[in-house]
N, C-alpha and C. Protein backbone atom coordinates (compact mmCIF):
# COMPACT_ATOMS: atom_id res chain seq x y z
N MET A 1 -12.81 13.92 10.48
CA MET A 1 -11.56 13.11 10.49
C MET A 1 -10.50 13.99 10.00
N SER A 2 -9.37 14.11 10.60
CA SER A 2 -8.18 14.73 10.07
C SER A 2 -7.50 14.01 8.84
N GLU A 3 -6.71 14.86 8.16
CA GLU A 3 -5.93 14.28 6.98
C GLU A 3 -4.69 13.50 7.64
N PRO A 4 -4.46 12.38 7.07
CA PRO A 4 -3.36 11.49 7.49
C PRO A 4 -1.98 12.34 7.48
N ARG A 5 -1.24 12.13 8.40
CA ARG A 5 0.07 12.67 8.55
C ARG A 5 1.18 12.04 7.95
N LEU A 6 1.07 10.60 7.90
CA LEU A 6 2.08 9.85 7.30
C LEU A 6 1.56 8.79 6.23
N LYS A 7 2.29 8.43 5.36
CA LYS A 7 1.80 7.57 4.08
C LYS A 7 2.55 6.32 4.17
N MET A 8 2.09 5.18 3.91
CA MET A 8 2.82 3.96 3.90
C MET A 8 2.59 3.52 2.30
N VAL A 9 3.79 3.21 1.64
CA VAL A 9 3.69 3.01 0.25
C VAL A 9 4.35 1.55 0.11
N LEU A 10 3.51 0.74 -0.64
CA LEU A 10 3.94 -0.62 -0.97
C LEU A 10 3.98 -0.69 -2.46
N VAL A 11 5.23 -1.14 -3.03
CA VAL A 11 5.56 -1.24 -4.40
C VAL A 11 5.42 -2.66 -4.61
N THR A 12 4.55 -3.11 -5.61
CA THR A 12 4.26 -4.54 -5.99
C THR A 12 4.30 -5.54 -4.84
N PRO A 13 3.31 -5.36 -3.97
CA PRO A 13 3.41 -6.18 -2.85
C PRO A 13 3.02 -7.80 -3.37
N GLU A 14 3.62 -8.66 -2.78
CA GLU A 14 3.50 -10.02 -3.37
C GLU A 14 2.72 -11.01 -2.50
N ILE A 15 2.59 -10.68 -1.20
CA ILE A 15 2.00 -11.63 -0.37
C ILE A 15 0.59 -10.73 0.21
N PRO A 16 -0.51 -11.32 -0.34
CA PRO A 16 -1.71 -10.65 -0.11
C PRO A 16 -2.13 -10.58 1.40
N TYR A 17 -1.78 -11.72 2.28
CA TYR A 17 -2.10 -11.68 3.69
C TYR A 17 -1.38 -10.58 4.32
N ASN A 18 0.02 -10.34 4.11
CA ASN A 18 0.89 -9.23 4.52
C ASN A 18 0.21 -7.92 4.07
N THR A 19 -0.21 -7.86 2.87
CA THR A 19 -0.83 -6.50 2.38
C THR A 19 -2.07 -6.09 3.18
N GLY A 20 -2.80 -7.17 3.52
CA GLY A 20 -4.13 -6.89 4.48
C GLY A 20 -3.66 -6.49 5.81
N ALA A 21 -2.69 -7.21 6.28
CA ALA A 21 -2.28 -7.02 7.66
C ALA A 21 -1.79 -5.45 7.86
N ILE A 22 -1.02 -5.08 6.70
CA ILE A 22 -0.49 -3.68 6.68
C ILE A 22 -1.65 -2.61 6.56
N GLY A 23 -2.71 -3.04 5.65
CA GLY A 23 -3.73 -2.31 5.41
C GLY A 23 -4.51 -1.93 6.77
N ARG A 24 -4.70 -3.12 7.53
CA ARG A 24 -5.55 -2.88 8.77
C ARG A 24 -4.64 -1.99 9.81
N THR A 25 -3.41 -2.20 9.94
CA THR A 25 -2.63 -1.36 10.56
C THR A 25 -2.64 0.20 10.18
N CYS A 26 -2.72 0.48 8.91
CA CYS A 26 -2.83 1.75 8.49
C CYS A 26 -4.22 2.41 8.91
N VAL A 27 -5.34 1.53 8.93
CA VAL A 27 -6.66 2.09 9.27
C VAL A 27 -6.55 2.33 10.81
N ALA A 28 -5.81 1.50 11.63
CA ALA A 28 -5.76 1.72 13.10
C ALA A 28 -4.93 2.88 13.49
N LEU A 29 -3.98 3.11 12.77
CA LEU A 29 -3.04 4.30 13.11
C LEU A 29 -3.29 5.48 12.23
N ASP A 30 -4.28 5.56 11.49
CA ASP A 30 -4.82 6.68 10.71
C ASP A 30 -3.72 7.08 9.69
N LEU A 31 -3.02 6.01 8.95
CA LEU A 31 -2.19 6.36 7.92
C LEU A 31 -2.69 6.16 6.45
N GLU A 32 -2.21 6.84 5.67
CA GLU A 32 -2.64 6.48 4.11
C GLU A 32 -1.91 5.38 3.64
N LEU A 33 -2.51 4.44 3.05
CA LEU A 33 -1.99 3.36 2.27
C LEU A 33 -1.90 3.67 0.72
N ILE A 34 -0.78 3.58 0.18
CA ILE A 34 -0.61 3.72 -1.30
C ILE A 34 -0.13 2.32 -1.89
N LEU A 35 -0.90 1.90 -2.66
CA LEU A 35 -0.35 0.48 -3.40
C LEU A 35 0.01 0.91 -4.71
N ILE A 36 1.22 0.46 -5.23
CA ILE A 36 1.80 0.67 -6.44
C ILE A 36 1.96 -0.69 -7.18
N LYS A 37 1.43 -0.93 -8.25
CA LYS A 37 1.71 -2.19 -8.97
C LYS A 37 2.50 -1.82 -10.14
N THR A 38 3.69 -2.57 -10.44
CA THR A 38 4.47 -2.16 -11.55
C THR A 38 3.92 -2.94 -12.68
N ILE A 39 3.85 -2.18 -13.86
CA ILE A 39 3.33 -2.70 -14.96
C ILE A 39 4.56 -2.94 -16.19
N TRP A 40 4.84 -3.94 -16.40
CA TRP A 40 5.94 -4.41 -17.33
C TRP A 40 5.55 -4.27 -18.80
N VAL A 41 6.27 -3.58 -19.58
CA VAL A 41 5.94 -3.44 -20.90
C VAL A 41 7.12 -4.13 -21.67
N PHE A 42 6.85 -4.96 -22.47
CA PHE A 42 7.83 -5.71 -23.41
C PHE A 42 7.62 -5.25 -24.71
N ALA A 43 8.74 -4.67 -25.25
CA ALA A 43 8.86 -4.33 -26.67
C ALA A 43 9.50 -5.31 -27.60
N GLY A 44 8.91 -5.65 -28.59
CA GLY A 44 9.47 -6.90 -29.26
C GLY A 44 9.03 -6.99 -30.57
């Protein structure tokens, strides 16, 4: 299998069903899916 040419990046996806649909689309189109979750740090 060849290396993916394009990458799809989702930053803090909020709707699991949409994330799953995008993930399946990436598999079908041989795209790399990168999920980034924001980690909030509160100093206080």
